[in-house]
Each structure stands twice: as C-alpha cells, then as structure tokens.
Protein backbone atom coordinates (compact mmCIF):
# COMPACT_ATOMS: atom_id res chain seq x y z
CA MET A 1 253.02 194.87 109.86
CA ALA A 2 251.86 197.02 106.97
CA HIS A 3 254.14 195.12 104.60
CA ILE A 4 252.89 191.80 106.00
CA LYS A 5 249.26 192.82 105.46
CA THR A 6 250.11 193.90 101.90
CA LEU A 7 251.80 190.55 101.22
CA ILE A 8 248.85 188.58 102.59
CA ASN A 9 246.41 190.48 100.40
CA ASP A 10 248.66 190.39 97.31
CA GLU A 11 247.08 188.17 94.62
CA SER A 12 249.54 188.96 91.81
CA GLY A 13 251.24 185.82 90.48
CA LEU A 14 248.41 183.58 91.66
CA ALA A 15 247.92 182.01 88.23
CA LEU A 16 251.64 181.32 87.95
CA LEU A 17 251.66 179.67 91.37
CA GLU A 18 248.66 177.48 90.49
CA PHE A 19 250.28 176.49 87.20
CA THR A 20 253.54 175.60 88.96
CA LEU A 21 251.73 173.38 91.44
CA SER A 22 249.73 171.60 88.74
CA LEU A 23 252.57 171.33 86.19
CA PRO A 24 253.91 167.93 87.39
CA PHE A 25 250.46 166.36 87.08
CA ILE A 26 249.87 167.92 83.65
CA LEU A 27 253.24 166.68 82.41
CA ALA A 28 252.62 163.20 83.79
CA ILE A 29 249.24 162.94 82.09
CA GLY A 30 250.69 164.40 78.88
CA ILE A 31 253.59 161.97 78.53
CA TYR A 32 251.35 159.08 79.55
CA GLY A 33 248.96 160.06 76.75
CA ILE A 34 251.82 160.30 74.24
CA GLU A 35 253.13 156.87 75.23
CA LEU A 36 249.65 155.36 75.08
CA ALA A 37 249.01 156.83 71.62
CA ASN A 38 252.35 155.59 70.31
CA LEU A 39 251.75 152.13 71.76
CA ALA A 40 248.30 151.95 70.15
CA ASN A 41 249.64 153.16 66.80
CA THR A 42 252.49 150.63 66.87
CA SER A 43 250.08 147.84 67.78
CA ARG A 44 247.83 148.83 64.87
CA LYS A 45 250.73 148.83 62.40
CA ILE A 46 252.00 145.42 63.51
CA SER A 47 248.49 143.99 63.24
CA GLN A 48 248.05 145.40 59.72
CA VAL A 49 251.47 144.15 58.59
CA THR A 50 250.58 140.66 59.85
CA MET A 51 247.40 140.60 57.78
CA SER A 52 249.13 142.10 54.75
CA VAL A 53 251.94 139.52 54.71
CA ALA A 54 249.47 136.64 55.07
CA ASP A 55 247.31 138.05 52.28
CA ASN A 56 250.29 138.59 49.96
CA ILE A 57 251.71 135.09 50.47
CA SER A 58 248.30 133.58 49.80
CA ARG A 59 248.21 135.29 46.39
CA ILE A 60 251.74 135.29 44.99
CA GLY A 61 253.37 132.76 42.69
CA LEU A 62 254.35 132.07 39.11
CA ASP A 63 251.35 131.23 36.94
CA ASP A 64 252.77 128.76 34.43
CA SER A 65 250.20 127.27 32.04
CA LEU A 66 252.44 124.21 31.58
CA ALA A 67 252.67 123.52 35.31
CA SER A 68 250.15 121.73 37.50
CA GLY A 69 249.33 124.98 39.29
CA VAL A 70 250.72 128.30 40.45
CA GLN A 71 254.33 127.79 41.54
CA LEU A 72 255.41 129.39 44.80
CA ARG A 73 259.05 130.51 44.69
CA GLU A 74 261.60 131.47 47.32
CA VAL A 75 262.01 134.83 45.62
CA ASP A 76 258.26 135.49 46.05
CA ILE A 77 258.44 134.73 49.77
CA ASN A 78 261.54 136.91 50.20
CA ASP A 79 259.78 139.79 48.44
CA ALA A 80 256.74 139.45 50.72
CA LEU A 81 258.96 139.43 53.82
CA TYR A 82 260.88 142.46 52.60
CA GLY A 83 257.62 144.24 51.81
CA GLY A 84 256.28 143.52 55.29
CA ASN A 85 259.34 145.12 56.85
CA LEU A 86 258.94 148.19 54.63
CA GLU A 87 255.23 148.43 55.43
CA ALA A 88 256.05 148.54 59.13
CA ASN A 89 257.51 151.99 58.34
CA GLY A 90 260.54 152.28 60.58
CA LEU A 91 259.44 149.95 63.38
CA ASN A 92 262.46 147.69 62.76
CA VAL A 93 260.36 144.54 62.74
CA THR A 94 263.32 142.38 61.73
CA THR A 95 265.63 143.74 64.45
CA GLN A 96 263.11 144.04 67.29
CA GLY A 97 260.90 141.20 66.17
CA ARG A 98 260.31 138.34 63.80
CA ILE A 99 257.93 137.41 60.98
CA VAL A 100 257.03 133.71 60.77
CA ILE A 101 255.14 132.34 57.75
CA SER A 102 253.69 128.81 57.79
CA SER A 103 251.78 126.87 55.17
CA LEU A 104 249.19 124.76 56.94
CA GLU A 105 247.94 121.96 54.71
CA ALA A 106 246.02 118.69 54.89
CA TYR A 107 246.85 115.22 53.61
CA THR A 108 245.43 111.71 53.85
CA ASN A 109 247.44 109.58 56.27
CA SER A 110 247.96 105.80 56.23
CA SER A 111 244.71 105.33 58.17
CA ASN A 112 242.84 107.14 55.37
CA GLN A 113 242.16 110.09 57.67
CA THR A 114 242.65 113.76 56.87
CA GLN A 115 245.50 115.16 58.93
CA GLN A 116 246.81 118.71 59.35
CA TYR A 117 250.51 119.51 59.00
CA ILE A 118 252.86 122.43 58.38
CA HIS A 119 254.31 121.88 54.91
CA TRP A 120 256.85 124.70 55.00
CA GLN A 121 257.85 127.61 57.20
CA ARG A 122 259.91 130.74 56.54
CA CYS A 123 261.14 133.44 58.94
CA SER A 124 262.60 136.92 58.84
CA GLY A 125 264.07 138.70 61.86
CA VAL A 126 265.86 137.80 65.05
CA ALA A 127 265.10 134.60 66.96
CA ALA A 128 265.10 136.48 70.29
CA TYR A 129 265.20 140.07 71.54
CA ASN A 130 265.67 141.44 75.06
CA GLY A 131 265.56 137.88 76.34
CA ASP A 132 262.23 137.10 74.64
CA SER A 133 262.10 134.03 72.42
CA PHE A 134 260.36 134.46 69.06
CA ALA A 135 259.93 130.74 68.39
CA PRO A 136 256.74 129.85 66.47
CA LYS A 137 253.96 129.17 68.96
CA TYR A 138 251.83 126.73 67.02
CA GLY A 139 254.28 124.37 65.37
CA VAL A 140 257.27 124.21 63.05
CA GLN A 141 257.86 122.84 59.57
CA TRP A 142 256.68 119.22 59.04
CA ASN A 143 254.88 119.05 62.38
CA GLY A 144 251.91 116.74 61.87
CA TYR A 145 253.38 114.83 58.91
CA THR A 146 253.92 111.07 58.98
CA GLY A 147 257.06 110.22 60.93
CA LYS A 148 257.46 113.81 62.18
CA PRO A 149 256.55 115.41 65.55
CA ALA A 150 252.86 116.16 66.01
CA LEU A 151 251.35 119.60 65.85
CA PRO A 152 250.82 121.20 69.28
CA ASN A 153 247.14 121.12 68.35
CA PRO A 154 246.30 118.31 65.87
CA ALA A 155 243.32 120.33 64.64
CA GLY A 156 245.55 123.04 63.16
CA MET A 157 247.27 126.26 64.18
CA GLY A 158 246.26 129.03 66.53
CA PRO A 159 245.31 129.68 70.15
CA THR A 160 242.56 127.77 71.89
CA GLY A 161 239.20 128.90 70.56
CA ALA A 162 240.71 130.30 67.34
CA VAL A 163 242.34 127.27 65.72
CA VAL A 164 242.67 127.44 61.93
CA SER A 165 242.84 124.39 59.68
CA ALA A 166 243.15 123.63 55.98
CA PRO A 167 239.61 122.75 54.86
CA THR A 168 240.41 119.92 52.41
CA VAL A 169 243.27 117.87 51.04
CA GLY A 170 244.87 119.92 48.28
CA SER A 171 244.16 123.26 49.99
CA ALA A 172 246.51 125.45 52.02
CA VAL A 173 246.17 128.14 54.65
CA ILE A 174 248.92 130.72 55.09
CA TYR A 175 249.38 131.38 58.80
CA VAL A 176 251.53 134.35 59.80
CA GLU A 177 252.85 135.25 63.24
CA ILE A 178 254.66 138.49 64.02
CA PHE A 179 256.53 138.88 67.29
CA TYR A 180 257.62 142.38 68.29
CA ASP A 181 259.15 144.03 71.34
CA TYR A 182 257.89 147.58 71.63
CA LYS A 183 260.52 150.19 72.49
CA PRO A 184 258.93 152.86 74.73
CA ILE A 185 259.41 156.58 74.29
CA PHE A 186 259.43 157.11 78.07
CA PRO A 187 260.97 154.06 79.81
CA LEU A 188 260.12 155.66 83.18
CA LEU A 189 256.48 154.77 82.57
CA TRP A 190 257.12 151.05 82.35
CA ASP A 191 257.48 148.44 85.04
CA SER A 192 260.99 147.04 85.25
CA PRO A 193 263.25 145.57 87.94
CA GLY A 194 264.69 149.04 88.60
CA ASN A 195 261.44 150.96 88.17
CA ALA A 196 258.35 149.30 89.57
CA SER A 197 256.37 152.40 90.44
CA GLY A 198 256.14 154.46 87.24
CA ILE A 199 255.28 158.12 87.83
CA PHE A 200 253.59 158.86 91.16
CA GLY A 201 252.93 155.11 91.37
CA VAL A 202 249.95 155.58 89.05
CA PHE A 203 251.02 156.42 85.49
CA LYS A 204 252.71 153.22 84.41
CA PHE A 205 252.45 150.39 81.88
CA ASP A 206 252.80 146.67 82.50
CA SER A 207 256.02 145.56 80.79
CA SER A 208 254.20 142.56 79.27
CA THR A 209 252.23 145.04 77.12
CA ALA A 210 255.40 145.77 75.16
CA LYS A 211 255.64 142.14 74.03
CA MET A 212 253.38 141.99 70.97
CA HIS A 213 252.29 138.85 69.15
CA TYR A 214 249.85 139.05 66.24
CA THR A 215 248.55 136.33 63.94
CA ALA A 216 246.66 136.25 60.66
CA ALA A 217 245.49 133.47 58.36
CA TYR A 218 244.40 133.50 54.71
CA ILE A 219 243.43 130.55 52.56
CA VAL A 220 245.36 130.23 49.29
CA ARG A 221 242.91 131.37 46.62
CA ASP A 222 244.78 130.18 43.51
CA SER A 223 245.24 126.61 42.39
CA ARG A 224 248.72 126.39 43.87
CA ASP A 225 251.14 123.59 43.10
CA LEU A 226 251.44 122.08 46.59
CA THR A 227 253.77 119.26 45.54
CA GLY A 228 256.64 121.12 43.93
CA PRO A 229 260.18 119.76 43.73
CA THR A 230 261.18 116.88 46.00
CA VAL A 231 263.95 117.52 48.53
CA ASN A 232 265.26 114.73 50.77
CA ASN A 233 262.39 112.52 49.60
CA LEU A 234 259.84 115.08 50.82
CA PRO A 235 257.63 117.35 48.69
CA ASN A 236 259.23 120.77 49.14
CA GLU A 237 256.49 122.80 47.36
CA ILE A 238 258.71 125.91 47.05
CA TYR A 239 260.65 126.37 43.81
CA ASN A 240 264.02 128.10 43.70
CA THR A 241 265.22 128.19 40.09
CA GLU A 242 266.62 131.68 40.78
CA GLY A 243 269.00 130.29 43.39
CA VAL A 244 268.15 132.92 46.03
CA THR A 245 268.87 132.44 49.73
CA SER A 246 265.96 130.77 51.45
CA ALA A 247 264.53 132.47 54.54
CA VAL A 248 264.43 129.21 56.48
CA CYS A 249 263.73 129.44 60.20
CA THR A 250 266.73 128.82 62.43
C-alpha cells in the first residue's frame, strides 16, 4: 500500500507524459503546415512564371528596320519557353505540366466586322499527366478565323467574366496558360480513392487543389509584323530562318 500511495503521488515524468499524449496532434499540425506552405509557394511560382512568359513573348522579336515590323521567330518562342521552365526552379513544369502560348488577334471578316481569332499557338510540356488533360481551355490555333472552327467564346479568350480580346485590327494579345499537377510532400494528407480521410479525418486537402491552372495576358507593345511568311495559304506570322524545331501543340 505504501508503494501504491507513493506511485499515486509521484509527479516525476509528468511533462514527458503530456508531451507523448500531445505529440500526434503536434506532428499532424506541423506536417499540415509544411504541406500548406509548400502548396502556397508552388502556386505563387506557377502564377509568376505564367505572367513572366506572357510578358516576355509580348516583347521579344527581331527588330529589322527593313521589315514591316518586329519579326517574331520560332527561336524567340523556344527561348521564352525554356526560360519559363528554368524560372519555375525545379518544379518540372514540362514534365508535370504544360505551358500554352496563344496569340489572340483581330481581323475584319467578309461582313466587315471585327472578329477575334487565335493566329498561332505554341506549347511546351506533356499533353496529360496523372490522367489530367492539359488541352488549351479557350481555343486552339486558327479558332475564329474564316473557314475554321469558332472560338469557344467569340469575344476572345478567358473564363467567363475575365475574357480578353485584341483591342483593334493589327494588334495582338499574348495569352498564356500553364497547367500543373502539384506533387505533395505528404500524400497521406490528400484525398484519394485509397485515402479519403486524411489524418484524424480533419487534416486533409481536396485532391482538386493539386490541379493548378493559371492564365496571364499581355498586349504586344511593339509594332509586330503580324503577317509574316505565308504557309499553306495562311499568314503564319512566325519566322523560322534558323530552321529550329517549332514547339507546335500536339
């Protein structure tokens, strides 16, 4: 009985016992915080890369005084795509995602009306990842042009309420989409067919959060040559005197 009374009144190791009981909750909150911070940082990087690529494409080109304007070349587009992947800093944008660049322009149709169309489109990265399609959401090359399929939204490109259009005939807007599938640090925190509860049924992320899609649009500031060489009886706009491989979307 004396030993029992001593054990009941013994408070040594109390802090260790409290820490042991609270450790699972502390760890759960800690790894949830790490995952949340990494997700936010990745989202920020992808958003910044999207804006950077759109800005770069709207500026680049060969300024030839003998030409009718700044000439956009395939090598310039390839450099911008490569730079965007480098700027993502190890996020593997071209293996876990896709960069899509579109040139949204306006022309006067046969009814003497100004009409929006996608003059050209270039892509870098995989067409699908983890079962997710990375097809352009707002139209493909030549959508909106005479004799070609219409744009999903005749007014231009972008989601409802944020549609972008080329302001006048002879102007162009560079519209960039980046698709990216986020790879979690702690897969246990994410909803999936084999793990629908996360940790303690509380600390979990919706799997749709990992599927990122960012857009950015910049108007071309220079007097760009929007006609360019003719290919298959269509104005191609993009020059390729260097003979580099074109990053066409497939």
